[in-house]
Each structure stands twice: as structure tokens, then as C-alpha cells.
PDB file of N, CA and C in Angstrom:
ATOM      1  N   MET A   1     -15.311  -0.053 -23.469  1.00  0.00           N
ATOM      2  CA  MET A   1     -15.897   1.064 -22.745  1.00  0.00           C
ATOM      3  C   MET A   1     -15.583   0.931 -21.266  1.00  0.00           C
ATOM      4  N   PHE A   2     -15.231   2.023 -20.676  1.00  0.00           N
ATOM      5  CA  PHE A   2     -14.855   2.033 -19.266  1.00  0.00           C
ATOM      6  C   PHE A   2     -16.100   2.118 -18.393  1.00  0.00           C
ATOM      7  N   ALA A   3     -16.126   1.320 -17.354  1.00  0.00           N
ATOM      8  CA  ALA A   3     -17.243   1.340 -16.411  1.00  0.00           C
ATOM      9  C   ALA A   3     -16.812   2.069 -15.144  1.00  0.00           C
ATOM     10  N   ARG A   4     -17.655   2.945 -14.674  1.00  0.00           N
ATOM     11  CA  ARG A   4     -17.362   3.688 -13.455  1.00  0.00           C
ATOM     12  C   ARG A   4     -17.180   2.741 -12.272  1.00  0.00           C
ATOM     13  N   ARG A   5     -17.901   1.648 -12.294  1.00  0.00           N
ATOM     14  CA  ARG A   5     -17.793   0.649 -11.225  1.00  0.00           C
ATOM     15  C   ARG A   5     -16.364   0.110 -11.131  1.00  0.00           C
ATOM     16  N   SER A   6     -15.700  -0.052 -12.268  1.00  0.00           N
ATOM     17  CA  SER A   6     -14.318  -0.532 -12.266  1.00  0.00           C
ATOM     18  C   SER A   6     -13.396   0.452 -11.561  1.00  0.00           C
ATOM     19  N   PHE A   7     -13.625   1.741 -11.799  1.00  0.00           N
ATOM     20  CA  PHE A   7     -12.805   2.752 -11.142  1.00  0.00           C
ATOM     21  C   PHE A   7     -13.039   2.742  -9.638  1.00  0.00           C
ATOM     22  N   LEU A   8     -14.276   2.645  -9.235  1.00  0.00           N
ATOM     23  CA  LEU A   8     -14.596   2.657  -7.808  1.00  0.00           C
ATOM     24  C   LEU A   8     -14.041   1.431  -7.087  1.00  0.00           C
ATOM     25  N   ALA A   9     -13.814   0.351  -7.816  1.00  0.00           N
ATOM     26  CA  ALA A   9     -13.279  -0.871  -7.222  1.00  0.00           C
ATOM     27  C   ALA A   9     -11.753  -0.845  -7.081  1.00  0.00           C
ATOM     28  N   LEU A  10     -11.114   0.189  -7.622  1.00  0.00           N
ATOM     29  CA  LEU A  10      -9.659   0.284  -7.523  1.00  0.00           C
ATOM     30  C   LEU A  10      -9.220   0.483  -6.074  1.00  0.00           C
ATOM     31  N   PRO A  11      -8.002   0.035  -5.753  1.00  0.00           N
ATOM     32  CA  PRO A  11      -7.485   0.279  -4.407  1.00  0.00           C
ATOM     33  C   PRO A  11      -7.184   1.772  -4.218  1.00  0.00           C
ATOM     34  N   PRO A  12      -7.131   2.236  -2.971  1.00  0.00           N
ATOM     35  CA  PRO A  12      -6.870   3.664  -2.709  1.00  0.00           C
ATOM     36  C   PRO A  12      -5.567   4.172  -3.334  1.00  0.00           C
ATOM     37  N   SER A  13      -4.545   3.335  -3.394  1.00  0.00           N
ATOM     38  CA  SER A  13      -3.274   3.777  -3.976  1.00  0.00           C
ATOM     39  C   SER A  13      -3.431   4.123  -5.456  1.00  0.00           C
ATOM     40  N   ALA A  14      -4.190   3.328  -6.190  1.00  0.00           N
ATOM     41  CA  ALA A  14      -4.408   3.603  -7.607  1.00  0.00           C
ATOM     42  C   ALA A  14      -5.219   4.879  -7.794  1.00  0.00           C
ATOM     43  N   LYS A  15      -6.189   5.098  -6.942  1.00  0.00           N
ATOM     44  CA  LYS A  15      -6.987   6.337  -7.014  1.00  0.00           C
ATOM     45  C   LYS A  15      -6.121   7.550  -6.706  1.00  0.00           C
ATOM     46  N   PHE A  16      -5.198   7.409  -5.759  1.00  0.00           N
ATOM     47  CA  PHE A  16      -4.302   8.498  -5.398  1.00  0.00           C
ATOM     48  C   PHE A  16      -3.401   8.864  -6.581  1.00  0.00           C
ATOM     49  N   VAL A  17      -2.837   7.868  -7.232  1.00  0.00           N
ATOM     50  CA  VAL A  17      -2.003   8.099  -8.411  1.00  0.00           C
ATOM     51  C   VAL A  17      -2.840   8.749  -9.510  1.00  0.00           C
ATOM     52  N   TYR A  18      -4.056   8.279  -9.688  1.00  0.00           N
ATOM     53  CA  TYR A  18      -4.951   8.850 -10.698  1.00  0.00           C
ATOM     54  C   TYR A  18      -5.191  10.335 -10.443  1.00  0.00           C
ATOM     55  N   VAL A  19      -5.440  10.701  -9.190  1.00  0.00           N
ATOM     56  CA  VAL A  19      -5.708  12.103  -8.851  1.00  0.00           C
ATOM     57  C   VAL A  19      -4.502  12.975  -9.191  1.00  0.00           C
ATOM     58  N   LEU A  20      -3.310  12.493  -8.923  1.00  0.00           N
ATOM     59  CA  LEU A  20      -2.117  13.268  -9.262  1.00  0.00           C
ATOM     60  C   LEU A  20      -1.979  13.450 -10.772  1.00  0.00           C
ATOM     61  N   LEU A  21      -2.259  12.400 -11.518  1.00  0.00           N
ATOM     62  CA  LEU A  21      -2.156  12.488 -12.982  1.00  0.00           C
ATOM     63  C   LEU A  21      -3.310  13.289 -13.584  1.00  0.00           C
ATOM     64  N   ARG A  22      -4.418  13.364 -12.875  1.00  0.00           N
ATOM     65  CA  ARG A  22      -5.589  14.087 -13.380  1.00  0.00           C
ATOM     66  C   ARG A  22      -5.317  15.577 -13.516  1.00  0.00           C
ATOM     67  N   ASN A  23      -4.349  16.083 -12.787  1.00  0.00           N
ATOM     68  CA  ASN A  23      -4.014  17.498 -12.866  1.00  0.00           C
ATOM     69  C   ASN A  23      -3.378  17.875 -14.200  1.00  0.00           C
ATOM     70  N   GLY A  24      -3.341  16.933 -15.121  1.00  0.00           N
ATOM     71  CA  GLY A  24      -2.838  17.219 -16.461  1.00  0.00           C
ATOM     72  C   GLY A  24      -1.332  17.140 -16.582  1.00  0.00           C
ATOM     73  N   ARG A  25      -0.706  16.595 -15.580  1.00  0.00           N
ATOM     74  CA  ARG A  25       0.745  16.507 -15.596  1.00  0.00           C
ATOM     75  C   ARG A  25       1.198  15.121 -16.004  1.00  0.00           C
ATOM     76  N   ARG A  26       2.300  15.101 -16.690  1.00  0.00           N
ATOM     77  CA  ARG A  26       2.971  13.836 -16.979  1.00  0.00           C
ATOM     78  C   ARG A  26       3.964  13.620 -15.858  1.00  0.00           C
ATOM     79  N   MET A  27       3.967  12.443 -15.284  1.00  0.00           N
ATOM     80  CA  MET A  27       4.851  12.182 -14.163  1.00  0.00           C
ATOM     81  C   MET A  27       5.559  10.850 -14.339  1.00  0.00           C
ATOM     82  N   SER A  28       6.784  10.809 -13.868  1.00  0.00           N
ATOM     83  CA  SER A  28       7.527   9.548 -13.876  1.00  0.00           C
ATOM     84  C   SER A  28       7.165   8.752 -12.623  1.00  0.00           C
ATOM     85  N   ARG A  29       7.543   7.510 -12.623  1.00  0.00           N
ATOM     86  CA  ARG A  29       7.307   6.661 -11.460  1.00  0.00           C
ATOM     87  C   ARG A  29       8.014   7.242 -10.246  1.00  0.00           C
ATOM     88  N   ARG A  30       9.208   7.721 -10.437  1.00  0.00           N
ATOM     89  CA  ARG A  30       9.982   8.321  -9.355  1.00  0.00           C
ATOM     90  C   ARG A  30       9.276   9.555  -8.787  1.00  0.00           C
ATOM     91  N   ASP A  31       8.723  10.390  -9.668  1.00  0.00           N
ATOM     92  CA  ASP A  31       7.973  11.572  -9.221  1.00  0.00           C
ATOM     93  C   ASP A  31       6.731  11.174  -8.427  1.00  0.00           C
ATOM     94  N   LEU A  32       6.056  10.143  -8.881  1.00  0.00           N
ATOM     95  CA  LEU A  32       4.864   9.675  -8.164  1.00  0.00           C
ATOM     96  C   LEU A  32       5.216   9.159  -6.773  1.00  0.00           C
ATOM     97  N   ILE A  33       6.329   8.467  -6.665  1.00  0.00           N
ATOM     98  CA  ILE A  33       6.762   7.964  -5.355  1.00  0.00           C
ATOM     99  C   ILE A  33       7.077   9.134  -4.427  1.00  0.00           C
ATOM    100  N   ARG A  34       7.751  10.149  -4.950  1.00  0.00           N
ATOM    101  CA  ARG A  34       8.077  11.329  -4.134  1.00  0.00           C
ATOM    102  C   ARG A  34       6.836  12.096  -3.709  1.00  0.00           C
ATOM    103  N   GLN A  35       5.877  12.229  -4.598  1.00  0.00           N
ATOM    104  CA  GLN A  35       4.666  13.004  -4.303  1.00  0.00           C
ATOM    105  C   GLN A  35       3.735  12.294  -3.334  1.00  0.00           C
ATOM    106  N   THR A  36       3.639  10.975  -3.454  1.00  0.00           N
ATOM    107  CA  THR A  36       2.672  10.231  -2.651  1.00  0.00           C
ATOM    108  C   THR A  36       3.238   9.719  -1.331  1.00  0.00           C
ATOM    109  N   PHE A  37       4.554   9.608  -1.236  1.00  0.00           N
ATOM    110  CA  PHE A  37       5.213   9.001  -0.079  1.00  0.00           C
ATOM    111  C   PHE A  37       4.805   7.532   0.096  1.00  0.00           C
ATOM    112  N   LEU A  38       4.352   6.915  -0.993  1.00  0.00           N
ATOM    113  CA  LEU A  38       3.994   5.498  -0.973  1.00  0.00           C
ATOM    114  C   LEU A  38       5.227   4.670  -1.340  1.00  0.00           C
ATOM    115  N   PRO A  39       5.291   3.429  -0.888  1.00  0.00           N
ATOM    116  CA  PRO A  39       6.398   2.548  -1.289  1.00  0.00           C
ATOM    117  C   PRO A  39       6.370   2.305  -2.805  1.00  0.00           C
ATOM    118  N   PRO A  40       7.542   2.099  -3.415  1.00  0.00           N
ATOM    119  CA  PRO A  40       7.598   1.856  -4.863  1.00  0.00           C
ATOM    120  C   PRO A  40       6.692   0.722  -5.321  1.00  0.00           C
ATOM    121  N   ARG A  41       6.632  -0.342  -4.553  1.00  0.00           N
ATOM    122  CA  ARG A  41       5.799  -1.483  -4.924  1.00  0.00           C
ATOM    123  C   ARG A  41       4.316  -1.092  -4.990  1.00  0.00           C
ATOM    124  N   THR A  42       3.873  -0.247  -4.087  1.00  0.00           N
ATOM    125  CA  THR A  42       2.482   0.198  -4.062  1.00  0.00           C
ATOM    126  C   THR A  42       2.181   1.088  -5.262  1.00  0.00           C
ATOM    127  N   VAL A  43       3.107   1.981  -5.600  1.00  0.00           N
ATOM    128  CA  VAL A  43       2.932   2.846  -6.777  1.00  0.00           C
ATOM    129  C   VAL A  43       2.901   1.992  -8.042  1.00  0.00           C
ATOM    130  N   ASN A  44       3.783   1.008  -8.131  1.00  0.00           N
ATOM    131  CA  ASN A  44       3.787   0.115  -9.297  1.00  0.00           C
ATOM    132  C   ASN A  44       2.453  -0.607  -9.446  1.00  0.00           C
ATOM    133  N   TYR A  45       1.909  -1.067  -8.332  1.00  0.00           N
ATOM    134  CA  TYR A  45       0.626  -1.766  -8.376  1.00  0.00           C
ATOM    135  C   TYR A  45      -0.491  -0.828  -8.843  1.00  0.00           C
ATOM    136  N   GLY A  46      -0.502   0.387  -8.327  1.00  0.00           N
ATOM    137  CA  GLY A  46      -1.509   1.362  -8.751  1.00  0.00           C
ATOM    138  C   GLY A  46      -1.392   1.681 -10.234  1.00  0.00           C
ATOM    139  N   LEU A  47      -0.166   1.856 -10.699  1.00  0.00           N
ATOM    140  CA  LEU A  47       0.045   2.142 -12.117  1.00  0.00           C
ATOM    141  C   LEU A  47      -0.407   0.972 -12.995  1.00  0.00           C
ATOM    142  N   SER A  48      -0.095  -0.233 -12.565  1.00  0.00           N
ATOM    143  CA  SER A  48      -0.495  -1.390 -13.381  1.00  0.00           C
ATOM    144  C   SER A  48      -2.013  -1.528 -13.436  1.00  0.00           C
ATOM    145  N   ARG A  49      -2.702  -1.278 -12.343  1.00  0.00           N
ATOM    146  CA  ARG A  49      -4.166  -1.346 -12.342  1.00  0.00           C
ATOM    147  C   ARG A  49      -4.758  -0.284 -13.256  1.00  0.00           C
ATOM    148  N   LEU A  50      -4.215   0.933 -13.215  1.00  0.00           N
ATOM    149  CA  LEU A  50      -4.711   2.007 -14.074  1.00  0.00           C
ATOM    150  C   LEU A  50      -4.427   1.717 -15.552  1.00  0.00           C
ATOM    151  N   LYS A  51      -3.256   1.135 -15.835  1.00  0.00           N
ATOM    152  CA  LYS A  51      -2.936   0.769 -17.221  1.00  0.00           C
ATOM    153  C   LYS A  51      -3.861  -0.326 -17.727  1.00  0.00           C
ATOM    154  N   ASN A  52      -4.160  -1.306 -16.890  1.00  0.00           N
ATOM    155  CA  ASN A  52      -5.054  -2.396 -17.293  1.00  0.00           C
ATOM    156  C   ASN A  52      -6.451  -1.892 -17.631  1.00  0.00           C
ATOM    157  N   LEU A  53      -6.888  -0.835 -16.967  1.00  0.00           N
ATOM    158  CA  LEU A  53      -8.200  -0.255 -17.257  1.00  0.00           C
ATOM    159  C   LEU A  53      -8.158   0.717 -18.435  1.00  0.00           C
ATOM    160  N   GLY A  54      -6.963   1.011 -18.930  1.00  0.00           N
ATOM    161  CA  GLY A  54      -6.824   1.923 -20.059  1.00  0.00           C
ATOM    162  C   GLY A  54      -6.975   3.386 -19.668  1.00  0.00           C
ATOM    163  N   LEU A  55      -6.734   3.702 -18.404  1.00  0.00           N
ATOM    164  CA  LEU A  55      -6.887   5.084 -17.943  1.00  0.00           C
ATOM    165  C   LEU A  55      -5.624   5.917 -18.109  1.00  0.00           C
ATOM    166  N   ILE A  56      -4.475   5.256 -18.162  1.00  0.00           N
ATOM    167  CA  ILE A  56      -3.221   5.986 -18.315  1.00  0.00           C
ATOM    168  C   ILE A  56      -2.412   5.388 -19.460  1.00  0.00           C
ATOM    169  N   ARG A  57      -1.477   6.193 -19.930  1.00  0.00           N
ATOM    170  CA  ARG A  57      -0.572   5.779 -21.005  1.00  0.00           C
ATOM    171  C   ARG A  57       0.856   5.852 -20.472  1.00  0.00           C
ATOM    172  N   GLU A  58       1.662   4.909 -20.862  1.00  0.00           N
ATOM    173  CA  GLU A  58       3.075   4.857 -20.464  1.00  0.00           C
ATOM    174  C   GLU A  58       3.932   5.167 -21.680  1.00  0.00           C
ATOM    175  N   GLU A  59       4.872   6.113 -21.525  1.00  0.00           N
ATOM    176  CA  GLU A  59       5.772   6.478 -22.613  1.00  0.00           C
ATOM    177  C   GLU A  59       7.198   6.535 -22.085  1.00  0.00           C
ATOM    178  N   VAL A  60       8.145   6.521 -23.005  1.00  0.00           N
ATOM    179  CA  VAL A  60       9.554   6.624 -22.642  1.00  0.00           C
ATOM    180  C   VAL A  60       9.862   8.074 -22.291  1.00  0.00           C
ATOM    181  N   HIS A  61      10.622   8.289 -21.229  1.00  0.00           N
ATOM    182  CA  HIS A  61      11.027   9.623 -20.795  1.00  0.00           C
ATOM    183  C   HIS A  61      11.937  10.231 -21.853  1.00  0.00           C
ATOM    184  N   GLU A  62      11.795  11.527 -22.089  1.00  0.00           N
ATOM    185  CA  GLU A  62      12.583  12.190 -23.135  1.00  0.00           C
ATOM    186  C   GLU A  62      14.073  12.211 -22.825  1.00  0.00           C
ATOM    187  N   ASP A  63      14.427  12.399 -21.543  1.00  0.00           N
ATOM    188  CA  ASP A  63      15.831  12.534 -21.164  1.00  0.00           C
ATOM    189  C   ASP A  63      16.510  11.222 -20.814  1.00  0.00           C
ATOM    190  N   ASP A  64      15.758  10.245 -20.346  1.00  0.00           N
ATOM    191  CA  ASP A  64      16.335   8.981 -19.891  1.00  0.00           C
ATOM    192  C   ASP A  64      15.464   7.826 -20.386  1.00  0.00           C
ATOM    193  N   ALA A  65      15.971   7.074 -21.325  1.00  0.00           N
ATOM    194  CA  ALA A  65      15.193   5.987 -21.928  1.00  0.00           C
ATOM    195  C   ALA A  65      14.883   4.864 -20.943  1.00  0.00           C
ATOM    196  N   ARG A  66      15.584   4.827 -19.814  1.00  0.00           N
ATOM    197  CA  ARG A  66      15.307   3.802 -18.808  1.00  0.00           C
ATOM    198  C   ARG A  66      14.077   4.149 -17.977  1.00  0.00           C
ATOM    199  N   GLU A  67      13.709   5.407 -17.967  1.00  0.00           N
ATOM    200  CA  GLU A  67      12.586   5.901 -17.165  1.00  0.00           C
ATOM    201  C   GLU A  67      11.312   5.962 -18.017  1.00  0.00           C
ATOM    202  N   ARG A  68      10.174   5.757 -17.399  1.00  0.00           N
ATOM    203  CA  ARG A  68       8.881   5.857 -18.080  1.00  0.00           C
ATOM    204  C   ARG A  68       8.107   7.035 -17.512  1.00  0.00           C
ATOM    205  N   VAL A  69       7.266   7.631 -18.358  1.00  0.00           N
ATOM    206  CA  VAL A  69       6.417   8.754 -17.969  1.00  0.00           C
ATOM    207  C   VAL A  69       4.972   8.321 -18.158  1.00  0.00           C
ATOM    208  N   TYR A  70       4.120   8.714 -17.229  1.00  0.00           N
ATOM    209  CA  TYR A  70       2.711   8.321 -17.259  1.00  0.00           C
ATOM    210  C   TYR A  70       1.846   9.553 -17.374  1.00  0.00           C
ATOM    211  N   GLU A  71       0.776   9.409 -18.150  1.00  0.00           N
ATOM    212  CA  GLU A  71      -0.185  10.497 -18.271  1.00  0.00           C
ATOM    213  C   GLU A  71      -1.590   9.918 -18.426  1.00  0.00           C
ATOM    214  N   LEU A  72      -2.556  10.714 -18.059  1.00  0.00           N
ATOM    215  CA  LEU A  72      -3.942  10.298 -18.094  1.00  0.00           C
ATOM    216  C   LEU A  72      -4.444  10.229 -19.532  1.00  0.00           C
ATOM    217  N   VAL A  73      -5.194   9.193 -19.852  1.00  0.00           N
ATOM    218  CA  VAL A  73      -5.756   9.024 -21.194  1.00  0.00           C
ATOM    219  C   VAL A  73      -7.249   9.285 -21.196  1.00  0.00           C
ATOM    220  N   SER A  74      -7.966   8.666 -20.272  1.00  0.00           N
ATOM    221  CA  SER A  74      -9.410   8.861 -20.230  1.00  0.00           C
ATOM    222  C   SER A  74      -9.855   9.152 -18.810  1.00  0.00           C
ATOM    223  N   VAL A  75     -10.995   9.805 -18.717  1.00  0.00           N
ATOM    224  CA  VAL A  75     -11.545  10.211 -17.432  1.00  0.00           C
ATOM    225  C   VAL A  75     -12.805   9.393 -17.151  1.00  0.00           C
ATOM    226  N   PRO A  76     -12.839   8.668 -16.030  1.00  0.00           N
ATOM    227  CA  PRO A  76     -13.985   7.805 -15.763  1.00  0.00           C
ATOM    228  C   PRO A  76     -15.219   8.550 -15.276  1.00  0.00           C
ATOM    229  N   MET A  77     -15.033   9.750 -14.780  1.00  0.00           N
ATOM    230  CA  MET A  77     -16.184  10.479 -14.222  1.00  0.00           C
ATOM    231  C   MET A  77     -16.333  11.826 -14.868  1.00  0.00           C
TER     232      MET A  77
END
């Protein structure tokens, strides 16, 4: 079970990525970097924190198997 406290303890970068994915869109890592203007390393860290909490799902991109697509799985609030 997800605890709201865990979400609130996330770094701002992870919350920013979450907000973008909350709009119901599936986005690649590259798209997230373009949208947020954050460094790739920061986006990767945010994605890993969200995945560890079970808030997002990672799938293979339909057009490019080297790319991953992320989408929201559960909503903490």
C-alpha cells in the first residue's frame, strides 16, 4: 500500500516528473528531459524513485526498442 508520506518525501524533480505523467500521457525519458529542462541524470533519478514506489510503469517504446516509455500506474492523492 502506498503511503502519502512517501510521496511527500520525494525530491522536487520526481514530483515534477509525476505531474507531467499525471496528465495521462505516456512519455519517454527523452520527452521528459525536453519538457522539464532538467539534466538527464536528474530525470533518471526522479524516474527511479517513482518506479521504486510503484507509481509509474516502464514499457518498451513501440517504435524504438532501445527507448522506454513511462506512464502513471497509481495516484497517491
